[in-house]
Amino acid sequence: MPSPSHHVELALYPDMFILATDCTPVLLISYLEAYLSGLERRLRERMIAINVSNSTANIFTRARTHFLILRTVQLFIEPIQWV
């Protein structure tokens, strides 16, 4: 696994969770995309396949307002569904 950055953490039990944190959704998505890019590169190098269709993306916030998801995040050119 690529090493997490300052804004990204990993939880590996029982599945893998990638946690990106920031106050701004745009930055949060960019941190997540950067980590997924490194993860994809690592998986390709080791010829490891994963089922992206079983993956989801969630945003948890303390704010009581809704905000729009600006763009999708992808892994292996397959979009990860926001739920």
N, C-alpha and C. Protein backbone atom coordinates (compact mmCIF):
# COMPACT_ATOMS: atom_id res chain seq x y z
N MET A 1 0.84 -1.18 0.00
CA MET A 1 0.00 0.00 0.00
C MET A 1 0.88 1.25 0.00
N PRO A 2 0.46 2.27 -0.75
CA PRO A 2 1.21 3.52 -0.68
C PRO A 2 1.07 4.13 0.72
N SER A 3 2.07 4.85 1.13
CA SER A 3 2.01 5.51 2.44
C SER A 3 0.98 6.62 2.41
N PRO A 4 0.13 6.69 3.43
CA PRO A 4 -0.85 7.77 3.49
C PRO A 4 -0.16 9.12 3.67
N SER A 5 -0.81 10.17 3.22
CA SER A 5 -0.28 11.52 3.38
C SER A 5 -0.82 12.14 4.65
N HIS A 6 -0.57 13.43 4.82
CA HIS A 6 -1.04 14.15 6.00
C HIS A 6 -2.57 14.12 6.12
N HIS A 7 -3.27 14.13 5.00
CA HIS A 7 -4.74 14.20 5.01
C HIS A 7 -5.41 12.87 4.71
N VAL A 8 -4.65 11.79 4.58
CA VAL A 8 -5.21 10.48 4.24
C VAL A 8 -4.75 9.46 5.27
N GLU A 9 -5.70 8.63 5.71
CA GLU A 9 -5.40 7.55 6.65
C GLU A 9 -5.98 6.25 6.11
N LEU A 10 -5.46 5.13 6.58
CA LEU A 10 -5.97 3.82 6.18
C LEU A 10 -6.49 3.08 7.40
N ALA A 11 -7.58 2.35 7.19
CA ALA A 11 -8.10 1.42 8.18
C ALA A 11 -8.24 0.08 7.46
N LEU A 12 -7.61 -0.95 7.96
CA LEU A 12 -7.53 -2.21 7.21
C LEU A 12 -8.25 -3.38 7.86
N TYR A 13 -9.30 -3.12 8.65
CA TYR A 13 -9.98 -4.25 9.28
C TYR A 13 -11.47 -4.07 9.17
N PRO A 14 -12.25 -5.01 8.70
CA PRO A 14 -11.89 -6.21 7.96
C PRO A 14 -11.64 -5.90 6.48
N ASP A 15 -12.17 -4.78 6.00
CA ASP A 15 -11.92 -4.34 4.63
C ASP A 15 -10.96 -3.15 4.67
N MET A 16 -10.62 -2.63 3.52
CA MET A 16 -9.75 -1.46 3.48
C MET A 16 -10.61 -0.21 3.37
N PHE A 17 -10.37 0.73 4.25
CA PHE A 17 -11.02 2.02 4.21
C PHE A 17 -9.96 3.09 4.02
N ILE A 18 -10.18 3.98 3.09
CA ILE A 18 -9.28 5.10 2.86
C ILE A 18 -10.01 6.33 3.36
N LEU A 19 -9.45 7.00 4.35
CA LEU A 19 -10.10 8.14 4.98
C LEU A 19 -9.35 9.41 4.62
N ALA A 20 -10.01 10.31 3.92
CA ALA A 20 -9.41 11.61 3.58
C ALA A 20 -10.14 12.67 4.40
N THR A 21 -9.38 13.61 4.95
CA THR A 21 -10.00 14.63 5.80
C THR A 21 -9.60 16.03 5.35
N ASP A 22 -10.57 16.91 5.35
CA ASP A 22 -10.36 18.32 5.10
C ASP A 22 -11.69 19.03 5.31
N CYS A 23 -11.65 20.32 5.52
CA CYS A 23 -12.86 21.11 5.71
C CYS A 23 -13.53 21.46 4.39
N THR A 24 -12.79 21.41 3.31
CA THR A 24 -13.30 21.80 2.00
C THR A 24 -13.49 20.55 1.14
N PRO A 25 -14.70 20.30 0.64
CA PRO A 25 -14.93 19.11 -0.18
C PRO A 25 -14.01 19.02 -1.40
N VAL A 26 -13.69 20.14 -2.02
CA VAL A 26 -12.82 20.12 -3.21
C VAL A 26 -11.44 19.59 -2.84
N LEU A 27 -10.88 20.05 -1.73
CA LEU A 27 -9.57 19.55 -1.30
C LEU A 27 -9.64 18.10 -0.85
N LEU A 28 -10.70 17.75 -0.16
CA LEU A 28 -10.88 16.38 0.29
C LEU A 28 -10.85 15.43 -0.91
N ILE A 29 -11.57 15.76 -1.97
CA ILE A 29 -11.61 14.92 -3.15
C ILE A 29 -10.24 14.87 -3.82
N SER A 30 -9.52 15.98 -3.84
CA SER A 30 -8.19 15.97 -4.47
C SER A 30 -7.22 15.10 -3.68
N TYR A 31 -7.29 15.10 -2.35
CA TYR A 31 -6.44 14.22 -1.54
C TYR A 31 -6.79 12.76 -1.81
N LEU A 32 -8.07 12.48 -1.89
CA LEU A 32 -8.51 11.11 -2.17
C LEU A 32 -8.05 10.66 -3.55
N GLU A 33 -8.19 11.51 -4.54
CA GLU A 33 -7.75 11.18 -5.90
C GLU A 33 -6.24 10.92 -5.96
N ALA A 34 -5.48 11.73 -5.26
CA ALA A 34 -4.03 11.55 -5.25
C ALA A 34 -3.66 10.20 -4.64
N TYR A 35 -4.31 9.83 -3.56
CA TYR A 35 -4.01 8.54 -2.94
C TYR A 35 -4.44 7.39 -3.84
N LEU A 36 -5.62 7.50 -4.44
CA LEU A 36 -6.10 6.44 -5.32
C LEU A 36 -5.20 6.26 -6.53
N SER A 37 -4.62 7.33 -7.02
CA SER A 37 -3.69 7.25 -8.13
C SER A 37 -2.46 6.43 -7.74
N GLY A 38 -1.91 6.70 -6.56
CA GLY A 38 -0.77 5.92 -6.07
C GLY A 38 -1.14 4.48 -5.80
N LEU A 39 -2.33 4.25 -5.28
CA LEU A 39 -2.80 2.89 -5.01
C LEU A 39 -2.95 2.12 -6.32
N GLU A 40 -3.53 2.76 -7.32
CA GLU A 40 -3.68 2.11 -8.62
C GLU A 40 -2.33 1.73 -9.22
N ARG A 41 -1.38 2.63 -9.13
CA ARG A 41 -0.04 2.35 -9.64
C ARG A 41 0.57 1.14 -8.92
N ARG A 42 0.44 1.10 -7.59
CA ARG A 42 0.98 -0.02 -6.80
C ARG A 42 0.31 -1.34 -7.15
N LEU A 43 -1.02 -1.31 -7.32
CA LEU A 43 -1.74 -2.53 -7.65
C LEU A 43 -1.36 -3.04 -9.03
N ARG A 44 -1.17 -2.12 -9.98
CA ARG A 44 -0.75 -2.52 -11.33
C ARG A 44 0.65 -3.16 -11.31
N GLU A 45 1.57 -2.56 -10.55
CA GLU A 45 2.92 -3.09 -10.45
C GLU A 45 2.93 -4.51 -9.93
N ARG A 46 2.05 -4.80 -8.99
CA ARG A 46 2.02 -6.12 -8.37
C ARG A 46 0.97 -7.04 -9.00
N MET A 47 0.35 -6.56 -10.08
CA MET A 47 -0.67 -7.32 -10.81
C MET A 47 -1.77 -7.83 -9.88
N ILE A 48 -2.27 -6.95 -9.03
CA ILE A 48 -3.36 -7.26 -8.12
C ILE A 48 -4.63 -6.63 -8.67
N ALA A 49 -5.68 -7.41 -8.77
CA ALA A 49 -6.96 -6.91 -9.26
C ALA A 49 -7.91 -6.72 -8.08
N ILE A 50 -8.71 -5.67 -8.15
CA ILE A 50 -9.75 -5.46 -7.15
C ILE A 50 -11.05 -5.18 -7.89
N ASN A 51 -12.16 -5.40 -7.20
CA ASN A 51 -13.47 -5.18 -7.78
C ASN A 51 -13.93 -3.77 -7.40
N VAL A 52 -13.73 -2.83 -8.30
CA VAL A 52 -14.08 -1.43 -8.02
C VAL A 52 -15.58 -1.26 -7.88
N SER A 53 -16.38 -2.09 -8.54
CA SER A 53 -17.83 -1.95 -8.46
C SER A 53 -18.35 -2.21 -7.05
N ASN A 54 -17.58 -2.88 -6.19
CA ASN A 54 -17.97 -3.08 -4.79
C ASN A 54 -17.52 -1.94 -3.89
N SER A 55 -16.85 -0.95 -4.46
CA SER A 55 -16.33 0.17 -3.68
C SER A 55 -17.33 1.33 -3.68
N THR A 56 -17.36 2.06 -2.57
CA THR A 56 -18.20 3.26 -2.48
C THR A 56 -17.40 4.38 -1.84
N ALA A 57 -17.86 5.60 -2.06
CA ALA A 57 -17.26 6.78 -1.44
C ALA A 57 -18.34 7.47 -0.61
N ASN A 58 -17.97 7.91 0.57
CA ASN A 58 -18.89 8.58 1.48
C ASN A 58 -18.25 9.86 1.97
N ILE A 59 -19.08 10.87 2.24
CA ILE A 59 -18.60 12.08 2.91
C ILE A 59 -19.38 12.21 4.20
N PHE A 60 -18.66 12.31 5.29
CA PHE A 60 -19.25 12.53 6.60
C PHE A 60 -18.90 13.95 7.03
N THR A 61 -19.88 14.67 7.54
CA THR A 61 -19.65 16.05 7.93
C THR A 61 -20.44 16.38 9.18
N ARG A 62 -19.96 17.35 9.91
CA ARG A 62 -20.69 17.85 11.08
C ARG A 62 -21.71 18.90 10.66
N ALA A 63 -21.51 19.46 9.47
CA ALA A 63 -22.42 20.51 8.98
C ALA A 63 -23.81 19.92 8.76
N ARG A 64 -24.81 20.72 8.99
CA ARG A 64 -26.18 20.26 8.80
C ARG A 64 -26.71 20.61 7.42
N THR A 65 -25.84 21.10 6.57
CA THR A 65 -26.25 21.43 5.21
C THR A 65 -25.73 20.37 4.25
N HIS A 66 -26.38 20.27 3.12
CA HIS A 66 -25.94 19.34 2.07
C HIS A 66 -25.07 20.10 1.10
N PHE A 67 -24.15 19.43 0.49
CA PHE A 67 -23.36 20.03 -0.56
C PHE A 67 -23.26 19.05 -1.73
N LEU A 68 -23.03 19.60 -2.87
CA LEU A 68 -22.97 18.79 -4.08
C LEU A 68 -21.59 18.15 -4.21
N ILE A 69 -21.57 16.92 -4.67
CA ILE A 69 -20.32 16.26 -4.99
C ILE A 69 -19.89 16.82 -6.35
N LEU A 70 -18.72 17.43 -6.40
CA LEU A 70 -18.30 18.13 -7.60
C LEU A 70 -17.86 17.20 -8.72
N ARG A 71 -17.24 16.10 -8.39
CA ARG A 71 -16.77 15.18 -9.41
C ARG A 71 -16.63 13.78 -8.82
N THR A 72 -16.58 12.83 -9.71
CA THR A 72 -16.42 11.45 -9.26
C THR A 72 -14.95 11.15 -9.04
N VAL A 73 -14.69 10.17 -8.22
CA VAL A 73 -13.33 9.66 -8.06
C VAL A 73 -13.30 8.31 -8.77
N GLN A 74 -12.14 7.96 -9.30
CA GLN A 74 -12.03 6.75 -10.11
C GLN A 74 -10.85 5.91 -9.66
N LEU A 75 -10.98 4.64 -9.95
CA LEU A 75 -9.88 3.69 -9.76
C LEU A 75 -9.93 2.74 -10.95
N PHE A 76 -8.82 2.59 -11.64
CA PHE A 76 -8.75 1.80 -12.87
C PHE A 76 -9.79 2.28 -13.89
N ILE A 77 -9.92 3.56 -14.04
CA ILE A 77 -10.82 4.23 -14.99
C ILE A 77 -12.29 3.89 -14.73
N GLU A 78 -12.60 3.33 -13.60
CA GLU A 78 -13.97 3.00 -13.23
C GLU A 78 -14.41 3.93 -12.10
N PRO A 79 -15.54 4.62 -12.26
CA PRO A 79 -15.95 5.55 -11.20
C PRO A 79 -16.35 4.81 -9.92
N ILE A 80 -16.03 5.44 -8.81
CA ILE A 80 -16.46 4.92 -7.51
C ILE A 80 -17.73 5.68 -7.14
N GLN A 81 -18.76 4.94 -6.82
CA GLN A 81 -20.08 5.52 -6.56
C GLN A 81 -20.12 6.25 -5.22
N TRP A 82 -20.65 7.48 -5.23
CA TRP A 82 -20.89 8.24 -4.00
C TRP A 82 -22.20 7.75 -3.39
N VAL A 83 -22.18 7.47 -2.11
CA VAL A 83 -23.40 7.06 -1.40
C VAL A 83 -23.59 7.90 -0.17
